[in-house]
Amino acid sequence: MSAPFTSPRTLMSLLMGASMLVASGAQGAEAPIRNQDISRAALSSTLVEMAFSPKQQAVFVSAPDWKQETQSRVLRLDPTTLKIEAEIPQKVKGFGVALDDADNRLYLTQGFDGAVGVVDTATNRNLAEIALQNKVNLEQAYRAAGLQGEKLDFLLAELKRFKLTDDYLYKIREIKFDAKTGRLFLPGLGYGVESVLFVVDTKAGKLEKVIPGFGFYAVGIALDEKGRRVFVSNMQGQLMTLNTDTLALTSVKEIDADQLLNLVYDPASNRVLGVDQGIDRDKYRNHYLDKAYTRRSTGHKLYAIDADSGKTLASAETDEVPIGLLLDQKNQRIYVTNRNGVREEHGKGTLAVFDAKTLNRLQTLPLPPHPNSLTLDSKANALYVTVKNDITATKAGEKESVVRIQQ
């Protein structure tokens, strides 16, 4: 998602969504991942986020279909062979996922349909969705929000350019589940308006609250389950903290990273880890802020931020356009997927491996075309990565893949 009125598919893919190993000099005595540790399965025309279920001993991956939306599915995979064990039909496209393993539920963000999908992971059935918002007339919504003058004119020109009239005011990408309260937390990226945070009561199966105050393009989210905090990042260099239980917005901190796309909380060191994507969003950000935003970072970095103060503890260069990250607490590794470009004919994406304590890069694995999302089976030491197509593979009708890496 590079701009509010870039085509919806491009916008979602940029924010969402191994043949040779390259080890860095910082690797030292650590054993690198080898070619024989990697297996790959081409599964569907589109793959987005996934979750490993220890209870079900399965990997669940969202497989939206852009050509025939009703052909969208959730795939249940054998965690060792990556063979499809079940295909769970979806009425609409799903993207981000959150797992409630104890209650056998997988939740999916229906980013273009204003709702949350629900899957029963024990029976492989699709359940009733949870509505979050209705379509609105965007021009009327902008005027009702008090937009006027140059800002309004700019947004109306964008609507005309992309032939948009009625749509959902917020795009929903990421989702987190809090086991104690049974709540889902979902940043709603505002199209021309301030972003919000949707809170869903999964026990009641309905929207509980919409919390305002999340600025320009709220996208990243992480939970501190023990400390009862929700962290949300936006693309104007801010990190916001919410009380998980009271839903009070307790702090908004200015940070060094301009646009943290995805977040992970590290409870051992009280750090928020995030990837700064590095895509140029100045035009849309400046219009939203009514001023020129001064960039604080060069982008294409991994950041470790003190969760209390918002101060940068460490940062490290990634490859270009980092997307996903995962913290392997047991092995003290951070994995970052890098697209290495946008709209590439021939993608050269990579998976970078960092030491979790020092952020020293240990290894870089080519995973072309474009590695995207990650999940982990910590007991089996197996890492899973979705790999998306480049332009050439998409035109050829090739399927996107899941990669399994035995650590």
Protein backbone atom coordinates (compact mmCIF):
# COMPACT_ATOMS: atom_id res chain seq x y z
CA MET A 1 0.00 0.00 0.00
CA SER A 2 2.01 2.88 -1.23
CA ALA A 3 -0.64 5.56 -1.59
CA PRO A 4 -4.27 5.99 -0.70
CA PHE A 5 -5.44 5.92 -4.28
CA THR A 6 -2.95 3.66 -5.91
CA SER A 7 -5.00 0.81 -7.32
CA PRO A 8 -6.42 -1.15 -4.35
CA ARG A 9 -4.64 -4.35 -5.35
CA THR A 10 -1.24 -2.65 -5.62
CA LEU A 11 -1.80 -0.82 -2.36
CA MET A 12 -2.60 -3.99 -0.43
CA SER A 13 0.20 -6.02 -1.99
CA LEU A 14 2.85 -3.48 -1.05
CA LEU A 15 1.76 -3.45 2.54
CA MET A 16 1.05 -7.09 2.87
CA GLY A 17 1.49 -8.36 0.65
CA ALA A 18 16.22 -20.53 -2.97
CA SER A 19 18.64 -21.71 -5.01
CA MET A 20 21.80 -20.20 -3.61
CA LEU A 21 22.71 -19.15 -0.09
CA VAL A 22 24.78 -16.09 0.74
CA ALA A 23 26.30 -15.80 4.23
CA SER A 24 27.55 -12.47 5.56
CA GLY A 25 30.88 -11.92 7.25
CA ALA A 26 29.10 -11.43 10.58
CA GLN A 27 28.03 -15.05 10.63
CA GLY A 28 30.99 -16.31 12.65
CA ALA A 29 30.58 -19.77 14.12
CA GLU A 30 26.80 -19.87 13.66
CA ALA A 31 25.60 -22.67 11.40
CA PRO A 32 24.02 -21.24 8.25
CA ILE A 33 20.82 -22.47 6.66
CA ARG A 34 21.74 -24.86 3.86
CA ASN A 35 20.12 -25.64 0.51
CA GLN A 36 19.01 -29.03 1.78
CA ASP A 37 17.20 -27.33 4.66
CA ILE A 38 14.77 -25.63 2.25
CA SER A 39 11.71 -27.10 0.55
CA ARG A 40 9.16 -25.25 -1.57
CA ALA A 41 5.63 -25.89 -2.81
CA ALA A 42 3.74 -23.89 -5.46
CA LEU A 43 0.15 -23.80 -4.23
CA SER A 44 -2.11 -21.03 -5.52
CA SER A 45 -2.34 -17.95 -7.74
CA THR A 46 -2.07 -15.72 -4.65
CA LEU A 47 -0.80 -16.42 -1.15
CA VAL A 48 -0.68 -13.87 1.64
CA GLU A 49 -0.36 -14.42 5.39
CA MET A 50 -0.30 -17.67 7.33
CA ALA A 51 -0.26 -19.13 10.83
CA PHE A 52 1.07 -22.37 12.27
CA SER A 53 -1.29 -24.17 14.64
CA PRO A 54 0.44 -26.35 17.24
CA LYS A 55 -2.93 -27.78 18.25
CA GLN A 56 -3.95 -28.79 14.73
CA GLN A 57 -0.37 -29.47 13.57
CA ALA A 58 -1.09 -27.57 10.39
CA VAL A 59 -0.15 -24.39 8.56
CA PHE A 60 -3.11 -22.24 7.52
CA VAL A 61 -2.49 -19.80 4.67
CA SER A 62 -4.79 -17.23 3.12
CA ALA A 63 -5.19 -17.68 -0.65
CA PRO A 64 -7.32 -14.84 -2.07
CA ASP A 65 -8.36 -15.00 -5.70
CA TRP A 66 -8.20 -11.70 -7.61
CA LYS A 67 -9.93 -12.94 -10.76
CA GLN A 68 -12.81 -14.83 -9.16
CA GLU A 69 -13.27 -13.59 -5.61
CA THR A 70 -15.60 -16.45 -4.68
CA GLN A 71 -12.75 -18.85 -5.44
CA SER A 72 -10.74 -17.42 -2.52
CA ARG A 73 -9.72 -20.02 0.04
CA VAL A 74 -7.81 -20.79 3.18
CA LEU A 75 -5.38 -23.65 2.59
CA ARG A 76 -4.59 -26.13 5.33
CA LEU A 77 -1.08 -27.52 4.80
CA ASP A 78 0.82 -30.46 6.20
CA PRO A 79 3.63 -28.72 8.15
CA THR A 80 6.29 -31.17 6.95
CA THR A 81 5.42 -31.88 3.32
CA LEU A 82 3.48 -28.64 2.54
CA LYS A 83 0.82 -30.75 0.84
CA ILE A 84 -2.70 -29.30 0.88
CA GLU A 85 -4.80 -31.20 3.41
CA ALA A 86 -7.93 -29.09 3.01
CA GLU A 87 -9.26 -26.12 1.06
CA ILE A 88 -11.65 -23.93 3.02
CA PRO A 89 -13.82 -21.78 0.69
CA GLN A 90 -14.10 -18.05 1.38
CA LYS A 91 -16.79 -15.72 0.07
CA VAL A 92 -14.32 -12.85 -0.33
CA LYS A 93 -10.57 -12.22 -0.30
CA GLY A 94 -8.72 -12.61 3.00
CA PHE A 95 -5.30 -11.19 3.82
CA GLY A 96 -3.91 -10.90 7.35
CA VAL A 97 -4.50 -13.73 9.82
CA ALA A 98 -4.67 -14.20 13.59
CA LEU A 99 -4.97 -17.56 15.35
CA ASP A 100 -6.92 -18.43 18.49
CA ASP A 101 -5.58 -21.96 18.76
CA ALA A 102 -7.31 -22.78 22.04
CA ASP A 103 -10.74 -22.11 20.55
CA ASN A 104 -9.96 -23.49 17.07
CA ARG A 105 -10.45 -20.18 15.29
CA LEU A 106 -8.54 -18.47 12.51
CA TYR A 107 -9.46 -14.85 11.82
CA LEU A 108 -8.79 -13.13 8.49
CA THR A 109 -8.84 -9.48 7.52
CA GLN A 110 -11.14 -8.97 4.55
CA GLY A 111 -9.28 -5.84 3.54
CA PHE A 112 -11.56 -4.79 0.68
CA ASP A 113 -14.85 -5.91 2.21
CA GLY A 114 -14.94 -4.23 5.60
CA ALA A 115 -15.15 -7.39 7.68
CA VAL A 116 -13.29 -10.18 9.50
CA GLY A 117 -13.56 -13.73 8.22
CA VAL A 118 -13.73 -16.64 10.67
CA VAL A 119 -12.59 -20.23 10.08
CA ASP A 120 -13.07 -23.24 12.34
CA THR A 121 -9.64 -24.88 12.22
CA ALA A 122 -10.86 -28.15 13.75
CA THR A 123 -13.57 -28.82 11.18
CA ASN A 124 -12.12 -26.79 8.27
CA ARG A 125 -15.35 -24.81 7.92
CA ASN A 126 -15.98 -21.17 7.14
CA LEU A 127 -18.11 -19.43 9.79
CA ALA A 128 -20.08 -16.19 9.83
CA GLU A 129 -18.02 -13.07 9.21
CA ILE A 130 -17.86 -10.13 11.61
CA ALA A 131 -18.78 -6.79 10.01
CA LEU A 132 -16.60 -3.79 10.82
CA GLN A 133 -17.81 -1.04 8.51
CA ASN A 134 -20.18 -0.25 5.67
CA LYS A 135 -19.45 1.33 2.34
CA VAL A 136 -19.81 5.08 2.27
CA ASN A 137 -19.84 7.80 -0.35
CA LEU A 138 -16.22 8.89 -0.06
CA GLU A 139 -16.79 12.51 -1.06
CA GLN A 140 -19.55 12.86 1.53
CA ALA A 141 -17.35 11.20 4.15
CA TYR A 142 -14.50 13.61 3.44
CA ARG A 143 -16.78 16.62 3.74
CA ALA A 144 -18.32 15.23 6.94
CA ALA A 145 -14.78 14.88 8.35
CA GLY A 146 -14.26 18.60 7.79
CA LEU A 147 -11.89 18.33 4.84
CA GLN A 148 -11.86 21.36 2.61
CA GLY A 149 -9.72 23.51 0.36
CA GLU A 150 -6.62 22.06 -1.28
CA LYS A 151 -6.76 18.85 0.75
CA LEU A 152 -10.31 18.09 -0.33
CA ASP A 153 -9.60 19.04 -3.95
CA PHE A 154 -6.64 16.68 -4.03
CA LEU A 155 -8.66 13.75 -2.68
CA LEU A 156 -11.59 14.41 -5.03
CA ALA A 157 -9.18 14.44 -7.98
CA GLU A 158 -7.84 11.07 -6.84
CA LEU A 159 -11.37 9.68 -6.63
CA LYS A 160 -12.03 10.85 -10.17
CA ARG A 161 -8.73 9.45 -11.43
CA PHE A 162 -9.47 5.98 -10.05
CA LYS A 163 -13.21 6.17 -10.75
CA LEU A 164 -14.17 5.69 -7.11
CA THR A 165 -17.39 6.88 -5.51
CA ASP A 166 -18.57 4.48 -2.81
CA ASP A 167 -16.07 2.37 -0.88
CA TYR A 168 -14.92 1.43 2.60
CA LEU A 169 -13.25 4.39 4.29
CA TYR A 170 -10.63 2.20 5.97
CA LYS A 171 -8.48 -0.58 4.58
CA ILE A 172 -7.67 -3.38 7.01
CA ARG A 173 -4.45 -5.32 6.70
CA GLU A 174 -3.06 -6.67 9.98
CA ILE A 175 -4.85 -8.35 12.89
CA LYS A 176 -3.85 -9.48 16.39
CA PHE A 177 -5.68 -11.68 18.89
CA ASP A 178 -5.50 -11.18 22.66
CA ALA A 179 -6.27 -14.45 24.46
CA LYS A 180 -7.09 -12.89 27.84
CA THR A 181 -9.88 -10.63 26.61
CA GLY A 182 -10.84 -12.53 23.48
CA ARG A 183 -10.42 -9.33 21.51
CA LEU A 184 -9.14 -8.74 18.00
CA PHE A 185 -7.23 -5.54 17.27
CA LEU A 186 -7.11 -4.27 13.68
CA PRO A 187 -5.56 -1.00 12.45
CA GLY A 188 -7.83 0.72 9.93
CA LEU A 189 -5.75 2.63 7.39
CA GLY A 190 -7.64 5.82 6.59
CA TYR A 191 -8.00 6.85 2.95
CA GLY A 192 -7.50 10.58 3.24
CA VAL A 193 -8.70 10.62 6.83
CA GLU A 194 -7.21 9.78 10.20
CA SER A 195 -6.60 6.08 10.80
CA VAL A 196 -8.45 4.18 13.51
CA LEU A 197 -8.17 0.96 15.50
CA PHE A 198 -11.02 -1.55 15.28
CA VAL A 199 -11.65 -3.70 18.36
CA VAL A 200 -13.68 -6.89 17.97
CA ASP A 201 -15.24 -8.96 20.75
CA THR A 202 -14.83 -12.51 19.44
CA LYS A 203 -16.95 -13.97 22.24
CA ALA A 204 -19.92 -11.89 21.12
CA GLY A 205 -18.89 -12.07 17.46
CA LYS A 206 -19.25 -8.35 16.87
CA LEU A 207 -17.45 -5.03 16.64
CA GLU A 208 -16.87 -3.63 20.12
CA LYS A 209 -15.29 -0.23 19.47
CA VAL A 210 -13.63 2.00 16.89
CA ILE A 211 -10.83 4.05 18.44
CA PRO A 212 -9.68 7.24 16.64
CA GLY A 213 -6.33 9.00 16.82
CA PHE A 214 -3.91 6.83 14.81
CA GLY A 215 -2.74 9.34 12.22
CA PHE A 216 -1.55 8.76 8.66
CA TYR A 217 -1.62 5.17 7.44
CA ALA A 218 -1.74 3.10 10.64
CA VAL A 219 -0.45 -0.32 9.60
CA GLY A 220 1.85 -2.10 12.07
CA ILE A 221 0.60 -3.76 15.25
CA ALA A 222 2.05 -5.92 18.04
CA LEU A 223 0.84 -7.13 21.46
CA ASP A 224 2.57 -7.19 24.82
CA GLU A 225 0.39 -9.89 26.34
CA LYS A 226 1.90 -9.82 29.83
CA GLY A 227 2.20 -6.03 30.04
CA ARG A 228 -1.32 -5.57 28.57
CA ARG A 229 -0.26 -3.22 25.79
CA VAL A 230 -1.06 -2.87 22.12
CA PHE A 231 1.51 -1.11 19.93
CA VAL A 232 0.48 0.49 16.64
CA SER A 233 2.75 2.21 14.13
CA ASN A 234 1.79 4.64 11.40
CA MET A 235 3.61 6.15 8.44
CA GLN A 236 4.26 9.55 9.92
CA GLY A 237 6.94 8.35 12.33
CA GLN A 238 4.75 7.56 15.34
CA LEU A 239 4.38 4.61 17.72
CA MET A 240 1.15 4.52 19.73
CA THR A 241 0.43 2.48 22.85
CA LEU A 242 -3.02 1.31 23.91
CA ASN A 243 -4.05 -0.40 27.13
CA THR A 244 -5.29 -3.84 26.08
CA ASP A 245 -7.89 -4.03 28.86
CA THR A 246 -9.24 -0.46 29.19
CA LEU A 247 -8.72 0.45 25.51
CA ALA A 248 -7.24 3.79 26.58
CA LEU A 249 -4.69 5.32 24.20
CA THR A 250 -1.88 5.91 26.70
CA SER A 251 0.91 7.39 24.57
CA VAL A 252 1.87 8.64 21.13
CA LYS A 253 5.63 8.77 20.63
CA GLU A 254 7.65 10.30 17.82
CA ILE A 255 10.22 7.75 16.67
CA ASP A 256 13.19 7.68 14.31
CA ALA A 257 11.58 5.35 11.76
CA ASP A 258 9.25 7.02 9.25
CA GLN A 259 7.07 4.08 8.29
CA LEU A 260 7.20 0.90 10.33
CA LEU A 261 5.17 -1.54 8.28
CA ASN A 262 5.17 -4.60 10.55
CA LEU A 263 5.92 -4.92 14.26
CA VAL A 264 6.90 -7.61 16.76
CA TYR A 265 7.15 -7.18 20.53
CA ASP A 266 10.13 -8.78 22.29
CA PRO A 267 9.11 -9.40 25.93
CA ALA A 268 12.61 -10.48 27.02
CA SER A 269 14.08 -7.04 26.35
CA ASN A 270 10.96 -4.81 26.25
CA ARG A 271 11.66 -3.87 22.64
CA VAL A 272 9.36 -3.18 19.71
CA LEU A 273 10.96 -4.54 16.55
CA GLY A 274 9.85 -3.16 13.20
CA VAL A 275 10.77 -2.83 9.53
CA ASP A 276 10.90 0.61 7.91
CA GLN A 277 9.73 0.03 4.35
CA GLY A 278 11.42 2.96 2.61
CA ILE A 279 8.81 3.60 -0.12
CA ASP A 280 8.23 7.25 -1.10
CA ARG A 281 4.89 8.38 0.35
CA ASP A 282 5.71 12.09 0.67
CA LYS A 283 2.97 13.32 -1.67
CA TYR A 284 0.10 11.68 0.17
CA ARG A 285 1.58 12.16 3.63
CA ASN A 286 2.17 15.87 3.06
CA HIS A 287 -1.39 16.36 1.87
CA TYR A 288 -2.70 14.55 4.94
CA LEU A 289 -0.51 16.57 7.34
CA ASP A 290 -0.99 19.90 5.51
CA LYS A 291 2.76 20.40 5.63
CA ALA A 292 6.00 18.96 4.30
CA TYR A 293 7.05 15.97 6.38
CA THR A 294 10.76 15.87 7.18
CA ARG A 295 12.05 12.35 6.79
CA ARG A 296 13.89 10.89 9.77
CA SER A 297 15.24 7.73 8.21
CA THR A 298 16.51 6.38 4.93
CA GLY A 299 14.16 3.40 5.12
CA HIS A 300 15.00 -0.22 4.29
CA LYS A 301 15.94 -0.89 7.91
CA LEU A 302 15.20 -3.09 10.88
CA TYR A 303 14.64 -1.11 14.09
CA ALA A 304 14.73 -2.09 17.76
CA ILE A 305 12.83 0.51 19.81
CA ASP A 306 12.48 0.82 23.57
CA ALA A 307 8.81 0.07 24.21
CA ASP A 308 8.54 2.58 27.06
CA SER A 309 10.44 5.60 25.73
CA GLY A 310 10.20 5.13 21.97
CA LYS A 311 13.95 5.66 21.64
CA THR A 312 15.95 3.70 19.09
CA LEU A 313 18.13 1.07 20.74
CA ALA A 314 19.62 -0.28 17.51
CA SER A 315 18.99 -0.42 13.78
CA ALA A 316 20.34 -2.45 10.88
CA GLU A 317 20.17 -2.23 7.10
CA THR A 318 17.85 -4.71 5.44
CA ASP A 319 17.62 -5.24 1.72
CA GLU A 320 15.22 -3.00 -0.21
CA VAL A 321 11.54 -2.85 0.71
CA PRO A 322 11.37 -5.06 3.79
CA ILE A 323 7.90 -6.49 4.38
CA GLY A 324 7.56 -9.13 7.11
CA LEU A 325 9.52 -9.92 10.23
CA LEU A 326 9.44 -12.70 12.80
CA LEU A 327 11.21 -13.09 16.14
CA ASP A 328 12.36 -16.60 16.99
CA GLN A 329 12.82 -16.18 20.74
CA LYS A 330 14.17 -19.69 21.33
CA ASN A 331 16.98 -19.38 18.79
CA GLN A 332 17.40 -15.60 19.19
CA ARG A 333 16.95 -14.88 15.51
CA ILE A 334 15.00 -12.21 13.64
CA TYR A 335 13.88 -13.03 10.10
CA VAL A 336 13.03 -10.25 7.63
CA THR A 337 11.54 -10.71 4.16
CA ASN A 338 12.66 -8.19 1.54
CA ARG A 339 10.89 -7.59 -1.78
CA ASN A 340 13.95 -5.89 -3.31
CA GLY A 341 11.84 -3.63 -5.48
CA VAL A 342 8.25 -2.86 -6.45
CA ARG A 343 6.53 -4.03 -9.65
CA GLU A 344 9.62 -5.94 -10.77
CA GLU A 345 9.65 -7.99 -13.98
CA HIS A 346 12.10 -10.41 -12.39
CA GLY A 347 11.99 -10.35 -8.59
CA LYS A 348 15.13 -10.88 -6.56
CA GLY A 349 13.69 -10.97 -3.07
CA THR A 350 15.61 -12.20 -0.06
CA LEU A 351 15.22 -13.47 3.49
CA ALA A 352 17.65 -11.81 5.90
CA VAL A 353 18.60 -13.45 9.20
CA PHE A 354 19.66 -11.24 12.13
CA ASP A 355 20.98 -11.89 15.62
CA ALA A 356 18.08 -10.88 17.86
CA LYS A 357 20.28 -9.27 20.53
CA THR A 358 22.74 -7.31 18.38
CA LEU A 359 20.85 -6.98 15.05
CA ASN A 360 23.99 -8.20 13.29
CA ARG A 361 23.09 -9.76 9.97
CA LEU A 362 24.02 -13.44 9.97
CA GLN A 363 22.84 -14.65 6.60
CA THR A 364 20.97 -13.65 3.46
CA LEU A 365 18.95 -16.22 1.51
CA PRO A 366 17.69 -15.48 -2.00
CA LEU A 367 13.98 -16.40 -2.14
CA PRO A 368 12.78 -15.01 -5.47
CA PRO A 369 10.56 -13.55 -6.64
CA HIS A 370 9.20 -11.78 -3.53
CA PRO A 371 9.16 -13.35 -0.02
CA ASN A 372 6.31 -11.94 2.02
CA SER A 373 4.93 -13.38 5.28
CA LEU A 374 6.35 -15.67 7.95
CA THR A 375 5.24 -18.12 10.60
CA LEU A 376 7.12 -20.52 12.87
CA ASP A 377 6.80 -23.98 14.36
CA SER A 378 9.13 -23.37 17.30
CA LYS A 379 9.02 -26.95 18.55
CA ALA A 380 10.10 -28.40 15.21
CA ASN A 381 12.41 -25.44 14.44
CA ALA A 382 10.63 -24.97 11.11
CA LEU A 383 10.21 -21.54 9.52
CA TYR A 384 7.59 -20.94 6.82
CA VAL A 385 7.63 -18.14 4.22
CA THR A 386 5.08 -17.19 1.58
CA VAL A 387 6.72 -16.17 -1.71
CA LYS A 388 4.78 -13.96 -4.11
CA ASN A 389 5.11 -13.67 -7.86
CA ASP A 390 6.82 -10.95 -9.87
CA ILE A 391 5.29 -9.47 -13.03
CA THR A 392 6.71 -12.19 -15.27
CA ALA A 393 5.45 -15.07 -13.13
CA THR A 394 2.03 -13.46 -12.78
CA LYS A 395 1.68 -13.04 -16.55
CA ALA A 396 2.71 -16.67 -17.01
CA GLY A 397 0.00 -17.82 -14.60
CA GLU A 398 2.45 -19.40 -12.19
CA LYS A 399 1.40 -20.26 -8.66
CA GLU A 400 2.78 -18.56 -5.58
CA SER A 401 4.67 -20.66 -3.07
CA VAL A 402 5.21 -21.56 0.56
CA VAL A 403 8.79 -22.27 1.57
CA ARG A 404 9.69 -24.43 4.57
CA ILE A 405 13.10 -23.91 6.17
CA GLN A 406 14.36 -26.45 8.68
CA GLN A 407 16.55 -24.51 11.11
